[in-house]
Amino acid sequence: MEDSVDAVVVHYNRTDLTTRCIEALSRDEGPLRTVTIIDSGSTSPVGHQQLKEWGRLLSRKNGSSPPIGFFFESLQENVGFAGANNHGLYRRLPDGAGFFLVINNDAYVEPSALSEMLGAAIKTGAAMIAPAVYRANEPGRIDRFGLTLTKTGSGYDRRHDADGPLLCPSGCAALYRRDLVMDLMGDPEGFFDRRFEAYAEDLDVGLRARTRGYSVAFASAATILHEGGATFGPSSPRSYFLRHRNTIWTIAKNFSLDLIVTFSFSLLIGQVAGLANAVRRGRFKAVVKGKFEGVRAWSSFRRENGYSPRFSDPNLLDQRLWIKR
């Protein structure tokens, strides 16, 4: 099963999006073995007829391709994107494939995307693969080509090669090798840090993985379409709160003391710029709350991460303060 893929999709309320995601996965031309849907405490439970429809799509009875295994689990409460993905990965690890696809329910794979991602992993030996993600409503417009990290400690979606070095894939759609998943799943917080809920949890995984020697590659021919902002909305107060809180937690948890000292001025500038941007976008209260929560838990995240080496390679950072869009 080394060249097969198990997919994990977190569902929350939007049955229409999850159905479209499953429809796209059902058209996979190669390595997809199973799809696991984790309902993270939706306010309206998924009905029996809907489950039958999802299972029918993945059974591929009307085509020549073999069926894709289908698993579903409904959680009583919303444990966030991070916690729900951890749950799905944990369920599949005992009998799992060689690779795991983590994909948003508002992201839709093209039929050859997983084959391209798997091919890139085998060719490069990378444990993390970032696909080429485009806007669902504008398929010619780049959404993200993985993540880069500036010296302010802020992660940015890469739009082209000039957007700094590729640090890791975005959690919107990422392929992870089995040994990496098992390694990080052994950490107290899980593969994705469940405390993050959503936003920057993928960056945290990337930093922990790169620090331990795992590499990343970009699969330019692996096309995925992404709606974006389907859960909170791209400009909601909640999304601003989580992004700013989790960015501080990511720095506290993962940056070495030498890196913090070396880039202390840039890190400070980044936080001030975040506040200025919040004023411009009318999200000052949410951002201040996020930064306060982030700083309040700083010492806890520094202390609790004593089990793992910390990120210290400045060459993996984009040397700009921020990336203009």
C-alpha atoms as a PDB file:
ATOM      1  CA  MET A   1       0.000   0.000   0.000  1.00  0.00           C
ATOM      2  CA  GLU A   2       3.022   2.296  -0.186  1.00  0.00           C
ATOM      3  CA  ASP A   3       1.795   3.895  -3.407  1.00  0.00           C
ATOM      4  CA  SER A   4      -1.824   4.405  -2.301  1.00  0.00           C
ATOM      5  CA  VAL A   5      -3.570   7.357  -0.649  1.00  0.00           C
ATOM      6  CA  ASP A   6      -6.165   7.660   2.119  1.00  0.00           C
ATOM      7  CA  ALA A   7      -8.073  10.964   2.103  1.00  0.00           C
ATOM      8  CA  VAL A   8      -9.492  12.730   5.175  1.00  0.00           C
ATOM      9  CA  VAL A   9     -12.186  15.393   4.760  1.00  0.00           C
ATOM     10  CA  VAL A  10     -13.649  17.429   7.629  1.00  0.00           C
ATOM     11  CA  HIS A  11     -17.352  18.191   7.219  1.00  0.00           C
ATOM     12  CA  TYR A  12     -19.143  21.015   9.014  1.00  0.00           C
ATOM     13  CA  ASN A  13     -22.723  21.906   8.018  1.00  0.00           C
ATOM     14  CA  ARG A  14     -22.080  22.531   4.289  1.00  0.00           C
ATOM     15  CA  THR A  15     -23.349  19.292   2.739  1.00  0.00           C
ATOM     16  CA  ASP A  16     -23.272  20.866  -0.712  1.00  0.00           C
ATOM     17  CA  LEU A  17     -19.529  21.504  -0.497  1.00  0.00           C
ATOM     18  CA  THR A  18     -18.714  18.079   0.934  1.00  0.00           C
ATOM     19  CA  THR A  19     -20.753  16.407  -1.819  1.00  0.00           C
ATOM     20  CA  ARG A  20     -18.852  18.299  -4.510  1.00  0.00           C
ATOM     21  CA  CYS A  21     -15.560  17.381  -2.820  1.00  0.00           C
ATOM     22  CA  ILE A  22     -16.535  13.695  -2.792  1.00  0.00           C
ATOM     23  CA  GLU A  23     -17.686  13.854  -6.414  1.00  0.00           C
ATOM     24  CA  ALA A  24     -14.250  15.160  -7.372  1.00  0.00           C
ATOM     25  CA  LEU A  25     -12.467  12.503  -5.320  1.00  0.00           C
ATOM     26  CA  SER A  26     -14.594   9.795  -6.945  1.00  0.00           C
ATOM     27  CA  ARG A  27     -13.079  10.727 -10.324  1.00  0.00           C
ATOM     28  CA  ASP A  28      -9.528  10.009  -9.132  1.00  0.00           C
ATOM     29  CA  GLU A  29      -7.587   8.113 -11.789  1.00  0.00           C
ATOM     30  CA  GLY A  30      -5.116   6.305  -9.606  1.00  0.00           C
ATOM     31  CA  PRO A  31      -3.928   5.989  -6.038  1.00  0.00           C
ATOM     32  CA  LEU A  32      -6.957   6.923  -3.902  1.00  0.00           C
ATOM     33  CA  ARG A  33      -7.834   3.988  -1.637  1.00  0.00           C
ATOM     34  CA  THR A  34     -10.268   5.382   0.929  1.00  0.00           C
ATOM     35  CA  VAL A  35     -12.124   8.567   1.867  1.00  0.00           C
ATOM     36  CA  THR A  36     -12.887   9.279   5.536  1.00  0.00           C
ATOM     37  CA  ILE A  37     -15.422  12.007   6.331  1.00  0.00           C
ATOM     38  CA  ILE A  38     -15.373  13.413   9.857  1.00  0.00           C
ATOM     39  CA  ASP A  39     -18.436  15.463  10.773  1.00  0.00           C
ATOM     40  CA  SER A  40     -17.142  17.900  13.377  1.00  0.00           C
ATOM     41  CA  GLY A  41     -20.291  18.635  15.357  1.00  0.00           C
ATOM     42  CA  SER A  42     -22.504  19.975  12.564  1.00  0.00           C
ATOM     43  CA  THR A  43     -25.681  21.653  13.791  1.00  0.00           C
ATOM     44  CA  SER A  44     -27.662  19.505  11.345  1.00  0.00           C
ATOM     45  CA  PRO A  45     -26.549  15.848  11.410  1.00  0.00           C
ATOM     46  CA  VAL A  46     -25.821  14.153   8.103  1.00  0.00           C
ATOM     47  CA  GLY A  47     -28.832  12.071   7.137  1.00  0.00           C
ATOM     48  CA  HIS A  48     -28.935   8.431   6.086  1.00  0.00           C
ATOM     49  CA  GLN A  49     -29.861   9.285   2.495  1.00  0.00           C
ATOM     50  CA  GLN A  50     -26.918  11.659   2.207  1.00  0.00           C
ATOM     51  CA  LEU A  51     -24.532   8.985   3.461  1.00  0.00           C
ATOM     52  CA  LYS A  52     -25.944   6.565   0.898  1.00  0.00           C
ATOM     53  CA  GLU A  53     -25.350   9.129  -1.832  1.00  0.00           C
ATOM     54  CA  TRP A  54     -21.745   9.688  -0.779  1.00  0.00           C
ATOM     55  CA  GLY A  55     -21.153   5.944  -0.618  1.00  0.00           C
ATOM     56  CA  ARG A  56     -22.718   5.509  -4.055  1.00  0.00           C
ATOM     57  CA  LEU A  57     -20.435   8.144  -5.555  1.00  0.00           C
ATOM     58  CA  LEU A  58     -17.330   6.458  -4.169  1.00  0.00           C
ATOM     59  CA  SER A  59     -18.513   2.969  -5.154  1.00  0.00           C
ATOM     60  CA  ARG A  60     -18.096   4.040  -8.817  1.00  0.00           C
ATOM     61  CA  LYS A  61     -20.577   1.384  -9.932  1.00  0.00           C
ATOM     62  CA  ASN A  62     -21.098   3.045 -13.300  1.00  0.00           C
ATOM     63  CA  GLY A  63     -17.419   3.102 -14.228  1.00  0.00           C
ATOM     64  CA  SER A  64     -14.537   0.712 -14.807  1.00  0.00           C
ATOM     65  CA  SER A  65     -12.448   1.904 -11.851  1.00  0.00           C
ATOM     66  CA  PRO A  66     -12.447  -0.054  -8.566  1.00  0.00           C
ATOM     67  CA  PRO A  67     -14.529   1.309  -5.666  1.00  0.00           C
ATOM     68  CA  ILE A  68     -13.052   3.690  -3.125  1.00  0.00           C
ATOM     69  CA  GLY A  69     -13.521   2.730   0.520  1.00  0.00           C
ATOM     70  CA  PHE A  70     -15.845   5.060   2.423  1.00  0.00           C
ATOM     71  CA  PHE A  71     -15.802   5.771   6.155  1.00  0.00           C
ATOM     72  CA  PHE A  72     -17.882   8.271   8.095  1.00  0.00           C
ATOM     73  CA  GLU A  73     -17.899   9.367  11.710  1.00  0.00           C
ATOM     74  CA  SER A  74     -19.949  12.054  13.405  1.00  0.00           C
ATOM     75  CA  LEU A  75     -18.455  13.817  16.431  1.00  0.00           C
ATOM     76  CA  GLN A  76     -20.756  15.199  19.113  1.00  0.00           C
ATOM     77  CA  GLU A  77     -19.002  18.561  19.252  1.00  0.00           C
ATOM     78  CA  ASN A  78     -17.029  20.765  16.905  1.00  0.00           C
ATOM     79  CA  VAL A  79     -13.371  20.015  17.656  1.00  0.00           C
ATOM     80  CA  GLY A  80     -12.076  22.299  14.913  1.00  0.00           C
ATOM     81  CA  PHE A  81     -10.284  21.568  11.667  1.00  0.00           C
ATOM     82  CA  ALA A  82      -7.170  20.410  13.497  1.00  0.00           C
ATOM     83  CA  GLY A  83      -8.880  18.056  15.942  1.00  0.00           C
ATOM     84  CA  ALA A  84     -11.226  16.543  13.364  1.00  0.00           C
ATOM     85  CA  ASN A  85      -8.377  15.823  10.937  1.00  0.00           C
ATOM     86  CA  ASN A  86      -6.400  14.212  13.740  1.00  0.00           C
ATOM     87  CA  HIS A  87      -9.379  11.993  14.452  1.00  0.00           C
ATOM     88  CA  GLY A  88      -9.633  10.916  10.823  1.00  0.00           C
ATOM     89  CA  LEU A  89      -5.896  10.247  10.501  1.00  0.00           C
ATOM     90  CA  TYR A  90      -5.896   8.251  13.717  1.00  0.00           C
ATOM     91  CA  ARG A  91      -8.744   6.072  12.424  1.00  0.00           C
ATOM     92  CA  ARG A  92      -6.912   5.232   9.221  1.00  0.00           C
ATOM     93  CA  LEU A  93      -3.371   4.759  10.542  1.00  0.00           C
ATOM     94  CA  PRO A  94      -3.741   1.090  11.626  1.00  0.00           C
ATOM     95  CA  ASP A  95      -4.698  -0.070   8.124  1.00  0.00           C
ATOM     96  CA  GLY A  96      -3.629   3.013   6.239  1.00  0.00           C
ATOM     97  CA  ALA A  97      -1.960   3.702   2.953  1.00  0.00           C
ATOM     98  CA  GLY A  98       1.536   5.013   2.324  1.00  0.00           C
ATOM     99  CA  PHE A  99       0.262   8.577   2.017  1.00  0.00           C
ATOM    100  CA  PHE A 100      -2.557  10.671   3.466  1.00  0.00           C
ATOM    101  CA  LEU A 101      -4.395  13.463   1.692  1.00  0.00           C
ATOM    102  CA  VAL A 102      -5.782  16.172   3.967  1.00  0.00           C
ATOM    103  CA  ILE A 103      -8.224  18.284   1.980  1.00  0.00           C
ATOM    104  CA  ASN A 104     -10.833  20.927   2.784  1.00  0.00           C
ATOM    105  CA  ASN A 105     -14.401  20.088   1.896  1.00  0.00           C
ATOM    106  CA  ASP A 106     -14.429  23.191  -0.326  1.00  0.00           C
ATOM    107  CA  ALA A 107     -11.467  21.944  -2.376  1.00  0.00           C
ATOM    108  CA  TYR A 108     -11.903  19.764  -5.440  1.00  0.00           C
ATOM    109  CA  VAL A 109      -9.187  17.561  -6.914  1.00  0.00           C
ATOM    110  CA  GLU A 110      -8.773  17.116 -10.643  1.00  0.00           C
ATOM    111  CA  PRO A 111      -8.754  13.428 -11.732  1.00  0.00           C
ATOM    112  CA  SER A 112      -4.968  13.193 -12.143  1.00  0.00           C
ATOM    113  CA  ALA A 113      -4.022  15.383  -9.157  1.00  0.00           C
ATOM    114  CA  LEU A 114      -3.292  12.593  -6.672  1.00  0.00           C
ATOM    115  CA  SER A 115      -1.243  10.653  -9.224  1.00  0.00           C
ATOM    116  CA  GLU A 116       0.821  13.793  -9.862  1.00  0.00           C
ATOM    117  CA  MET A 117       1.308  14.404  -6.136  1.00  0.00           C
ATOM    118  CA  LEU A 118       2.266  10.805  -5.469  1.00  0.00           C
ATOM    119  CA  GLY A 119       4.661  10.864  -8.418  1.00  0.00           C
ATOM    120  CA  ALA A 120       6.340  13.993  -7.049  1.00  0.00           C
ATOM    121  CA  ALA A 121       6.712  12.344  -3.630  1.00  0.00           C
ATOM    122  CA  ILE A 122       8.302   9.225  -5.112  1.00  0.00           C
ATOM    123  CA  LYS A 123      10.587  11.185  -7.458  1.00  0.00           C
ATOM    124  CA  THR A 124      11.862  13.645  -4.827  1.00  0.00           C
ATOM    125  CA  GLY A 125      11.613  11.559  -1.667  1.00  0.00           C
ATOM    126  CA  ALA A 126       9.678  14.396  -0.025  1.00  0.00           C
ATOM    127  CA  ALA A 127       7.339  13.638   2.873  1.00  0.00           C
ATOM    128  CA  MET A 128       5.099  16.651   2.153  1.00  0.00           C
ATOM    129  CA  ILE A 129       3.653  17.559  -1.238  1.00  0.00           C
ATOM    130  CA  ALA A 130       1.997  20.873  -2.096  1.00  0.00           C
ATOM    131  CA  PRO A 131      -0.324  20.862  -5.124  1.00  0.00           C
ATOM    132  CA  ALA A 132      -1.182  23.763  -7.423  1.00  0.00           C
ATOM    133  CA  VAL A 133      -4.388  25.236  -6.000  1.00  0.00           C
ATOM    134  CA  TYR A 134      -6.514  27.593  -8.111  1.00  0.00           C
ATOM    135  CA  ARG A 135      -9.696  29.555  -7.399  1.00  0.00           C
ATOM    136  CA  ALA A 136     -12.838  27.515  -7.998  1.00  0.00           C
ATOM    137  CA  ASN A 137     -14.679  30.530  -9.426  1.00  0.00           C
ATOM    138  CA  GLU A 138     -11.647  31.622 -11.501  1.00  0.00           C
ATOM    139  CA  PRO A 139      -9.750  28.452 -12.499  1.00  0.00           C
ATOM    140  CA  GLY A 140      -7.033  30.495 -14.189  1.00  0.00           C
ATOM    141  CA  ARG A 141      -6.232  32.436 -11.013  1.00  0.00           C
ATOM    142  CA  ILE A 142      -3.720  31.027  -8.527  1.00  0.00           C
ATOM    143  CA  ASP A 143      -5.011  30.521  -4.998  1.00  0.00           C
ATOM    144  CA  ARG A 144      -1.865  29.030  -3.442  1.00  0.00           C
ATOM    145  CA  PHE A 145       1.220  26.998  -4.302  1.00  0.00           C
ATOM    146  CA  GLY A 146       1.963  25.962  -0.709  1.00  0.00           C
ATOM    147  CA  LEU A 147       3.124  28.183   2.154  1.00  0.00           C
ATOM    148  CA  THR A 148       6.104  30.401   2.762  1.00  0.00           C
ATOM    149  CA  LEU A 149       7.127  32.049   6.059  1.00  0.00           C
ATOM    150  CA  THR A 150       8.486  35.589   6.284  1.00  0.00           C
ATOM    151  CA  LYS A 151      10.913  36.822   8.920  1.00  0.00           C
ATOM    152  CA  THR A 152       7.976  38.434  10.745  1.00  0.00           C
ATOM    153  CA  GLY A 153       6.780  34.923  11.594  1.00  0.00           C
ATOM    154  CA  SER A 154       3.740  35.236   9.329  1.00  0.00           C
ATOM    155  CA  GLY A 155       2.827  32.539   6.843  1.00  0.00           C
ATOM    156  CA  TYR A 156       1.735  33.494   3.324  1.00  0.00           C
ATOM    157  CA  ASP A 157       0.177  31.575   0.465  1.00  0.00           C
ATOM    158  CA  ARG A 158       2.718  31.328  -2.335  1.00  0.00           C
ATOM    159  CA  ARG A 159       1.363  32.603  -5.645  1.00  0.00           C
ATOM    160  CA  HIS A 160       4.562  32.118  -7.682  1.00  0.00           C
ATOM    161  CA  ASP A 161       8.214  31.161  -7.248  1.00  0.00           C
ATOM    162  CA  ALA A 162       9.175  34.700  -6.181  1.00  0.00           C
ATOM    163  CA  ASP A 163       7.076  34.310  -3.046  1.00  0.00           C
ATOM    164  CA  GLY A 164       9.939  32.926  -1.030  1.00  0.00           C
ATOM    165  CA  PRO A 165      11.049  29.345  -0.407  1.00  0.00           C
ATOM    166  CA  LEU A 166       8.369  26.670  -0.120  1.00  0.00           C
ATOM    167  CA  LEU A 167       8.178  25.759   3.553  1.00  0.00           C
ATOM    168  CA  CYS A 168       5.265  23.305   3.516  1.00  0.00           C
ATOM    169  CA  PRO A 169       1.887  22.594   1.939  1.00  0.00           C
ATOM    170  CA  SER A 170      -1.253  24.463   2.908  1.00  0.00           C
ATOM    171  CA  GLY A 171      -3.789  22.473   4.925  1.00  0.00           C
ATOM    172  CA  CYS A 172      -6.309  23.335   2.214  1.00  0.00           C
ATOM    173  CA  ALA A 173      -4.857  20.375   0.288  1.00  0.00           C
ATOM    174  CA  ALA A 174      -1.730  18.519   1.329  1.00  0.00           C
ATOM    175  CA  LEU A 175      -0.230  15.076   0.826  1.00  0.00           C
ATOM    176  CA  TYR A 176       1.718  13.690   3.791  1.00  0.00           C
ATOM    177  CA  ARG A 177       3.791  10.512   3.877  1.00  0.00           C
ATOM    178  CA  ARG A 178       2.833   7.871   6.392  1.00  0.00           C
ATOM    179  CA  ASP A 179       6.053   7.984   8.452  1.00  0.00           C
ATOM    180  CA  LEU A 180       5.702  11.759   8.914  1.00  0.00           C
ATOM    181  CA  VAL A 181       2.091  11.396  10.045  1.00  0.00           C
ATOM    182  CA  MET A 182       3.040   8.704  12.543  1.00  0.00           C
ATOM    183  CA  ASP A 183       5.978  10.758  13.829  1.00  0.00           C
ATOM    184  CA  LEU A 184       4.021  13.962  14.440  1.00  0.00           C
ATOM    185  CA  MET A 185       0.948  12.091  15.665  1.00  0.00           C
ATOM    186  CA  GLY A 186       3.115  10.963  18.566  1.00  0.00           C
ATOM    187  CA  ASP A 187       3.465  14.551  19.797  1.00  0.00           C
ATOM    188  CA  PRO A 188       1.223  15.499  22.758  1.00  0.00           C
ATOM    189  CA  GLU A 189      -0.900  17.863  20.641  1.00  0.00           C
ATOM    190  CA  GLY A 190      -1.353  15.386  17.783  1.00  0.00           C
ATOM    191  CA  PHE A 191      -0.442  15.708  14.112  1.00  0.00           C
ATOM    192  CA  PHE A 192      -2.212  19.056  13.843  1.00  0.00           C
ATOM    193  CA  ASP A 193      -2.090  20.974  17.095  1.00  0.00           C
ATOM    194  CA  ARG A 194      -5.691  20.601  18.292  1.00  0.00           C
ATOM    195  CA  ARG A 195      -5.399  23.797  20.346  1.00  0.00           C
ATOM    196  CA  PHE A 196      -5.137  25.867  17.154  1.00  0.00           C
ATOM    197  CA  GLU A 197      -8.658  24.893  15.987  1.00  0.00           C
ATOM    198  CA  ALA A 198      -8.054  26.347  12.511  1.00  0.00           C
ATOM    199  CA  TYR A 199      -5.501  28.596  10.763  1.00  0.00           C
ATOM    200  CA  ALA A 200      -1.700  28.197  11.065  1.00  0.00           C
ATOM    201  CA  GLU A 201      -2.080  24.541  12.119  1.00  0.00           C
ATOM    202  CA  ASP A 202      -0.580  23.608   8.734  1.00  0.00           C
ATOM    203  CA  LEU A 203       2.315  26.016   9.270  1.00  0.00           C
ATOM    204  CA  ASP A 204       2.956  24.457  12.676  1.00  0.00           C
ATOM    205  CA  VAL A 205       3.061  20.996  11.074  1.00  0.00           C
ATOM    206  CA  GLY A 206       5.466  22.274   8.427  1.00  0.00           C
ATOM    207  CA  LEU A 207       7.852  23.769  10.981  1.00  0.00           C
ATOM    208  CA  ARG A 208       7.838  20.640  13.138  1.00  0.00           C
ATOM    209  CA  ALA A 209       8.409  18.473  10.076  1.00  0.00           C
ATOM    210  CA  ARG A 210      11.225  20.580   8.579  1.00  0.00           C
ATOM    211  CA  THR A 211      12.962  20.757  11.951  1.00  0.00           C
ATOM    212  CA  ARG A 212      13.007  16.945  12.062  1.00  0.00           C
ATOM    213  CA  GLY A 213      14.517  16.670   8.607  1.00  0.00           C
ATOM    214  CA  TYR A 214      11.443  15.977   6.455  1.00  0.00           C
ATOM    215  CA  SER A 215      11.415  17.695   3.067  1.00  0.00           C
ATOM    216  CA  VAL A 216       8.717  19.209   0.857  1.00  0.00           C
ATOM    217  CA  ALA A 217       8.091  19.333  -2.894  1.00  0.00           C
ATOM    218  CA  PHE A 218       5.716  21.194  -5.186  1.00  0.00           C
ATOM    219  CA  ALA A 219       3.633  19.199  -7.680  1.00  0.00           C
ATOM    220  CA  SER A 220       2.914  21.848 -10.310  1.00  0.00           C
ATOM    221  CA  ALA A 221       0.783  19.520 -12.441  1.00  0.00           C
ATOM    222  CA  ALA A 222      -1.487  18.505  -9.539  1.00  0.00           C
ATOM    223  CA  THR A 223      -4.465  20.837  -9.970  1.00  0.00           C
ATOM    224  CA  ILE A 224      -6.996  21.495  -7.210  1.00  0.00           C
ATOM    225  CA  LEU A 225      -9.811  24.066  -7.211  1.00  0.00           C
ATOM    226  CA  HIS A 226     -10.653  25.859  -3.954  1.00  0.00           C
ATOM    227  CA  GLU A 227     -13.694  27.887  -2.904  1.00  0.00           C
ATOM    228  CA  GLY A 228     -12.039  29.520   0.147  1.00  0.00           C
ATOM    229  CA  GLY A 229     -13.451  30.817   3.436  1.00  0.00           C
ATOM    230  CA  ALA A 230     -16.354  28.366   3.499  1.00  0.00           C
ATOM    231  CA  THR A 231     -16.389  27.810   7.273  1.00  0.00           C
ATOM    232  CA  PHE A 232     -15.835  31.203   8.920  1.00  0.00           C
ATOM    233  CA  GLY A 233     -15.738  33.450   5.880  1.00  0.00           C
ATOM    234  CA  PRO A 234     -12.400  34.891   4.703  1.00  0.00           C
ATOM    235  CA  SER A 235     -12.907  38.219   6.512  1.00  0.00           C
ATOM    236  CA  SER A 236     -14.914  37.163   9.551  1.00  0.00           C
ATOM    237  CA  PRO A 237     -13.875  38.364  13.029  1.00  0.00           C
ATOM    238  CA  ARG A 238     -13.355  34.725  14.049  1.00  0.00           C
ATOM    239  CA  SER A 239     -10.878  34.087  11.245  1.00  0.00           C
ATOM    240  CA  TYR A 240      -8.903  37.232  12.165  1.00  0.00           C
ATOM    241  CA  PHE A 241      -8.830  36.217  15.831  1.00  0.00           C
ATOM    242  CA  LEU A 242      -7.571  32.709  15.071  1.00  0.00           C
ATOM    243  CA  ARG A 243      -4.952  33.794  12.549  1.00  0.00           C
ATOM    244  CA  HIS A 244      -3.352  36.351  14.872  1.00  0.00           C
ATOM    245  CA  ARG A 245      -3.518  34.185  17.989  1.00  0.00           C
ATOM    246  CA  ASN A 246      -2.164  31.117  16.222  1.00  0.00           C
ATOM    247  CA  THR A 247       0.660  33.011  14.521  1.00  0.00           C
ATOM    248  CA  ILE A 248       2.003  33.995  17.934  1.00  0.00           C
ATOM    249  CA  TRP A 249       1.568  30.445  19.218  1.00  0.00           C
ATOM    250  CA  THR A 250       3.436  29.115  16.176  1.00  0.00           C
ATOM    251  CA  ILE A 251       6.407  31.396  16.842  1.00  0.00           C
ATOM    252  CA  ALA A 252       6.444  30.620  20.572  1.00  0.00           C
ATOM    253  CA  LYS A 253       6.223  26.903  20.013  1.00  0.00           C
ATOM    254  CA  ASN A 254       8.586  26.443  17.084  1.00  0.00           C
ATOM    255  CA  PHE A 255      11.189  29.220  16.804  1.00  0.00           C
ATOM    256  CA  SER A 256      14.556  28.693  18.451  1.00  0.00           C
ATOM    257  CA  LEU A 257      15.768  31.334  20.894  1.00  0.00           C
ATOM    258  CA  ASP A 258      18.541  32.319  18.444  1.00  0.00           C
ATOM    259  CA  LEU A 259      15.999  32.847  15.659  1.00  0.00           C
ATOM    260  CA  ILE A 260      13.760  34.930  17.914  1.00  0.00           C
ATOM    261  CA  VAL A 261      16.696  37.121  18.971  1.00  0.00           C
ATOM    262  CA  THR A 262      18.025  37.490  15.411  1.00  0.00           C
ATOM    263  CA  PHE A 263      14.655  38.513  13.995  1.00  0.00           C
ATOM    264  CA  SER A 264      13.211  40.187  17.100  1.00  0.00           C
ATOM    265  CA  PHE A 265      12.769  43.562  15.385  1.00  0.00           C
ATOM    266  CA  SER A 266      11.100  41.964  12.344  1.00  0.00           C
ATOM    267  CA  LEU A 267       8.808  39.925  14.576  1.00  0.00           C
ATOM    268  CA  LEU A 268       7.764  43.088  16.424  1.00  0.00           C
ATOM    269  CA  ILE A 269       7.196  44.978  13.167  1.00  0.00           C
ATOM    270  CA  GLY A 270       5.013  42.143  11.950  1.00  0.00           C
ATOM    271  CA  GLN A 271       2.777  42.344  15.016  1.00  0.00           C
ATOM    272  CA  VAL A 272       2.425  46.137  14.743  1.00  0.00           C
ATOM    273  CA  ALA A 273       1.663  45.874  11.030  1.00  0.00           C
ATOM    274  CA  GLY A 274      -1.023  43.301  11.830  1.00  0.00           C
ATOM    275  CA  LEU A 275      -2.731  45.801  14.132  1.00  0.00           C
ATOM    276  CA  ALA A 276      -2.550  48.536  11.494  1.00  0.00           C
ATOM    277  CA  ASN A 277      -4.079  46.225   8.915  1.00  0.00           C
ATOM    278  CA  ALA A 278      -6.824  45.317  11.384  1.00  0.00           C
ATOM    279  CA  VAL A 279      -7.788  48.978  11.730  1.00  0.00           C
ATOM    280  CA  ARG A 280      -7.908  49.339   7.947  1.00  0.00           C
ATOM    281  CA  ARG A 281     -10.166  46.282   7.603  1.00  0.00           C
ATOM    282  CA  GLY A 282     -12.399  47.013  10.576  1.00  0.00           C
ATOM    283  CA  ARG A 283     -11.242  43.997  12.593  1.00  0.00           C
ATOM    284  CA  PHE A 284      -9.217  45.722  15.311  1.00  0.00           C
ATOM    285  CA  LYS A 285     -11.119  44.201  18.241  1.00  0.00           C
ATOM    286  CA  ALA A 286     -10.797  40.635  16.933  1.00  0.00           C
ATOM    287  CA  VAL A 287      -7.085  41.055  16.207  1.00  0.00           C
ATOM    288  CA  VAL A 288      -6.299  42.615  19.590  1.00  0.00           C
ATOM    289  CA  LYS A 289      -8.136  39.765  21.289  1.00  0.00           C
ATOM    290  CA  GLY A 290      -6.196  37.231  19.217  1.00  0.00           C
ATOM    291  CA  LYS A 291      -2.842  38.819  19.991  1.00  0.00           C
ATOM    292  CA  PHE A 292      -3.687  39.067  23.688  1.00  0.00           C
ATOM    293  CA  GLU A 293      -4.603  35.369  23.828  1.00  0.00           C
ATOM    294  CA  GLY A 294      -1.445  34.521  21.890  1.00  0.00           C
ATOM    295  CA  VAL A 295       0.883  36.481  24.179  1.00  0.00           C
ATOM    296  CA  ARG A 296      -0.868  35.228  27.310  1.00  0.00           C
ATOM    297  CA  ALA A 297      -0.046  31.614  26.411  1.00  0.00           C
ATOM    298  CA  TRP A 298       3.479  32.379  25.115  1.00  0.00           C
ATOM    299  CA  SER A 299       5.382  30.974  28.098  1.00  0.00           C
ATOM    300  CA  SER A 300       3.177  27.883  28.166  1.00  0.00           C
ATOM    301  CA  PHE A 301       3.902  27.071  24.512  1.00  0.00           C
ATOM    302  CA  ARG A 302       7.644  27.678  25.014  1.00  0.00           C
ATOM    303  CA  ARG A 303       7.738  25.410  28.037  1.00  0.00           C
ATOM    304  CA  GLU A 304       5.508  22.620  26.730  1.00  0.00           C
ATOM    305  CA  ASN A 305       7.484  22.136  23.520  1.00  0.00           C
ATOM    306  CA  GLY A 306      10.603  20.970  25.315  1.00  0.00           C
ATOM    307  CA  TYR A 307      10.238  17.490  23.764  1.00  0.00           C
ATOM    308  CA  SER A 308      11.055  18.673  20.238  1.00  0.00           C
ATOM    309  CA  PRO A 309      13.922  20.537  18.526  1.00  0.00           C
ATOM    310  CA  ARG A 310      13.030  24.032  17.426  1.00  0.00           C
ATOM    311  CA  PHE A 311      13.181  25.654  14.003  1.00  0.00           C
ATOM    312  CA  SER A 312      16.463  27.527  13.548  1.00  0.00           C
ATOM    313  CA  ASP A 313      17.290  27.720   9.808  1.00  0.00           C
ATOM    314  CA  PRO A 314      16.970  31.323   8.557  1.00  0.00           C
ATOM    315  CA  ASN A 315      17.507  30.121   4.976  1.00  0.00           C
ATOM    316  CA  LEU A 316      13.996  28.664   4.990  1.00  0.00           C
ATOM    317  CA  LEU A 317      12.474  32.088   5.681  1.00  0.00           C
ATOM    318  CA  ASP A 318      11.453  34.658   3.120  1.00  0.00           C
ATOM    319  CA  GLN A 319      13.560  37.651   4.088  1.00  0.00           C
ATOM    320  CA  ARG A 320      10.829  40.204   3.450  1.00  0.00           C
ATOM    321  CA  LEU A 321       8.679  41.664   6.222  1.00  0.00           C
ATOM    322  CA  TRP A 322       5.524  40.831   4.279  1.00  0.00           C
ATOM    323  CA  ILE A 323       4.408  39.885   0.799  1.00  0.00           C
ATOM    324  CA  LYS A 324       2.292  42.429  -1.059  1.00  0.00           C
ATOM    325  CA  ARG A 325      -0.786  41.152  -2.872  1.00  0.00           C
END
